[in-house]
Amino acid sequence: MELKKALSDAQVGQIIELEFTCPEAVGTLPLYCQEHNHEILSFDKLDREGWVIVLKK
């Protein structure tokens, strides 16, 4: 999972932006962030197919 890799490389407090197209991730990414205490700063549908989530580790 791209988010797990980005988070493992990130420092605490770092902002991470991830674009994705997987519909299942719309539900699973927020749950993952909540379970691991990452703050979701924004979560938006893109004009084209996909979504973008911005979070703070």
N, C-alpha and C. Protein backbone atom coordinates (compact mmCIF):
# COMPACT_ATOMS: atom_id res chain seq x y z
N MET A 1 0.85 -1.19 0.00
CA MET A 1 0.00 0.00 0.00
C MET A 1 0.89 1.24 0.00
N GLU A 2 0.60 2.16 -0.89
CA GLU A 2 1.40 3.37 -1.03
C GLU A 2 1.40 4.23 0.23
N LEU A 3 0.25 4.30 0.92
CA LEU A 3 0.17 5.12 2.12
C LEU A 3 1.08 4.58 3.22
N LYS A 4 1.08 3.29 3.43
CA LYS A 4 1.95 2.71 4.47
C LYS A 4 3.41 3.01 4.18
N LYS A 5 3.81 2.91 2.92
CA LYS A 5 5.20 3.21 2.55
C LYS A 5 5.52 4.68 2.81
N ALA A 6 4.62 5.57 2.41
CA ALA A 6 4.84 7.00 2.63
C ALA A 6 4.93 7.32 4.11
N LEU A 7 4.07 6.69 4.92
CA LEU A 7 4.08 6.94 6.35
C LEU A 7 5.34 6.39 7.01
N SER A 8 5.82 5.26 6.56
CA SER A 8 7.03 4.69 7.16
C SER A 8 8.25 5.56 6.88
N ASP A 9 8.25 6.27 5.77
CA ASP A 9 9.36 7.16 5.41
C ASP A 9 9.22 8.56 6.01
N ALA A 10 8.05 8.89 6.53
CA ALA A 10 7.75 10.25 6.99
C ALA A 10 8.12 10.45 8.47
N GLN A 11 8.40 11.70 8.80
CA GLN A 11 8.63 12.10 10.18
C GLN A 11 7.29 12.46 10.82
N VAL A 12 7.22 12.35 12.15
CA VAL A 12 6.01 12.76 12.86
C VAL A 12 5.75 14.24 12.57
N GLY A 13 4.51 14.56 12.24
CA GLY A 13 4.13 15.93 11.91
C GLY A 13 4.21 16.25 10.43
N GLN A 14 4.80 15.36 9.65
CA GLN A 14 4.93 15.58 8.21
C GLN A 14 3.57 15.45 7.52
N ILE A 15 3.34 16.27 6.50
CA ILE A 15 2.12 16.25 5.70
C ILE A 15 2.33 15.32 4.50
N ILE A 16 1.37 14.45 4.25
CA ILE A 16 1.44 13.49 3.15
C ILE A 16 0.18 13.66 2.30
N GLU A 17 0.37 13.71 0.99
CA GLU A 17 -0.74 13.77 0.04
C GLU A 17 -0.70 12.54 -0.84
N LEU A 18 -1.83 11.86 -0.97
CA LEU A 18 -1.90 10.64 -1.76
C LEU A 18 -3.12 10.69 -2.67
N GLU A 19 -2.89 10.53 -3.97
CA GLU A 19 -3.99 10.39 -4.94
C GLU A 19 -4.19 8.91 -5.20
N PHE A 20 -5.45 8.49 -5.30
CA PHE A 20 -5.74 7.08 -5.53
C PHE A 20 -7.04 6.93 -6.31
N THR A 21 -7.23 5.76 -6.92
CA THR A 21 -8.43 5.49 -7.71
C THR A 21 -9.22 4.30 -7.20
N CYS A 22 -8.73 3.61 -6.19
CA CYS A 22 -9.39 2.41 -5.66
C CYS A 22 -10.63 2.79 -4.84
N PRO A 23 -11.83 2.40 -5.27
CA PRO A 23 -13.05 2.76 -4.54
C PRO A 23 -13.08 2.22 -3.11
N GLU A 24 -12.48 1.04 -2.87
CA GLU A 24 -12.47 0.48 -1.52
C GLU A 24 -11.67 1.35 -0.55
N ALA A 25 -10.66 2.03 -1.06
CA ALA A 25 -9.82 2.87 -0.22
C ALA A 25 -10.56 4.07 0.34
N VAL A 26 -11.66 4.46 -0.27
CA VAL A 26 -12.47 5.57 0.24
C VAL A 26 -12.92 5.26 1.67
N GLY A 27 -13.20 4.01 1.96
CA GLY A 27 -13.59 3.61 3.31
C GLY A 27 -12.43 3.16 4.17
N THR A 28 -11.46 2.47 3.57
CA THR A 28 -10.39 1.88 4.37
C THR A 28 -9.31 2.88 4.79
N LEU A 29 -8.99 3.86 3.96
CA LEU A 29 -7.95 4.82 4.33
C LEU A 29 -8.32 5.65 5.56
N PRO A 30 -9.53 6.20 5.65
CA PRO A 30 -9.88 6.93 6.87
C PRO A 30 -9.83 6.04 8.13
N LEU A 31 -10.26 4.80 8.01
CA LEU A 31 -10.19 3.89 9.16
C LEU A 31 -8.74 3.62 9.56
N TYR A 32 -7.89 3.39 8.59
CA TYR A 32 -6.47 3.17 8.85
C TYR A 32 -5.86 4.38 9.57
N CYS A 33 -6.17 5.56 9.07
CA CYS A 33 -5.64 6.79 9.69
C CYS A 33 -6.12 6.94 11.12
N GLN A 34 -7.38 6.66 11.36
CA GLN A 34 -7.94 6.76 12.70
C GLN A 34 -7.27 5.75 13.64
N GLU A 35 -7.11 4.52 13.19
CA GLU A 35 -6.50 3.48 14.02
C GLU A 35 -5.04 3.77 14.35
N HIS A 36 -4.35 4.51 13.48
CA HIS A 36 -2.93 4.79 13.68
C HIS A 36 -2.66 6.25 14.07
N ASN A 37 -3.70 6.96 14.46
CA ASN A 37 -3.59 8.34 14.97
C ASN A 37 -2.96 9.31 13.98
N HIS A 38 -3.33 9.19 12.71
CA HIS A 38 -2.91 10.15 11.70
C HIS A 38 -4.09 11.08 11.44
N GLU A 39 -3.83 12.38 11.44
CA GLU A 39 -4.89 13.38 11.27
C GLU A 39 -5.18 13.61 9.78
N ILE A 40 -6.43 13.41 9.38
CA ILE A 40 -6.84 13.70 8.00
C ILE A 40 -7.11 15.19 7.89
N LEU A 41 -6.37 15.86 7.02
CA LEU A 41 -6.54 17.30 6.82
C LEU A 41 -7.56 17.59 5.74
N SER A 42 -7.61 16.75 4.71
CA SER A 42 -8.63 16.87 3.67
C SER A 42 -8.77 15.54 2.95
N PHE A 43 -9.95 15.34 2.37
CA PHE A 43 -10.25 14.11 1.63
C PHE A 43 -11.25 14.51 0.56
N ASP A 44 -10.80 14.58 -0.69
CA ASP A 44 -11.62 15.14 -1.76
C ASP A 44 -11.70 14.24 -2.98
N LYS A 45 -12.83 14.30 -3.66
CA LYS A 45 -13.02 13.65 -4.96
C LYS A 45 -12.38 14.54 -6.00
N LEU A 46 -11.58 13.95 -6.88
CA LEU A 46 -10.95 14.71 -7.95
C LEU A 46 -11.93 14.87 -9.11
N ASP A 47 -11.70 15.88 -9.96
CA ASP A 47 -12.54 16.09 -11.14
C ASP A 47 -12.50 14.85 -12.04
N ARG A 48 -11.30 14.33 -12.21
CA ARG A 48 -11.18 13.09 -12.97
C ARG A 48 -11.47 11.93 -12.01
N GLU A 49 -11.38 10.74 -12.49
CA GLU A 49 -11.65 9.58 -11.64
C GLU A 49 -10.59 9.48 -10.54
N GLY A 50 -11.02 9.43 -9.31
CA GLY A 50 -10.09 9.27 -8.20
C GLY A 50 -10.37 10.22 -7.06
N TRP A 51 -9.54 10.12 -6.04
CA TRP A 51 -9.64 10.91 -4.83
C TRP A 51 -8.25 11.34 -4.41
N VAL A 52 -8.20 12.30 -3.50
CA VAL A 52 -6.93 12.72 -2.90
C VAL A 52 -7.17 12.87 -1.40
N ILE A 53 -6.24 12.33 -0.62
CA ILE A 53 -6.30 12.47 0.82
C ILE A 53 -5.01 13.16 1.27
N VAL A 54 -5.15 14.12 2.17
CA VAL A 54 -4.01 14.81 2.75
C VAL A 54 -4.07 14.57 4.25
N LEU A 55 -2.97 14.09 4.80
CA LEU A 55 -2.97 13.79 6.23
C LEU A 55 -1.66 14.17 6.87
N LYS A 56 -1.69 14.26 8.20
CA LYS A 56 -0.49 14.56 8.97
C LYS A 56 -0.17 13.35 9.82
N LYS A 57 1.09 12.92 9.73
CA LYS A 57 1.52 11.76 10.49
C LYS A 57 1.62 12.12 11.94
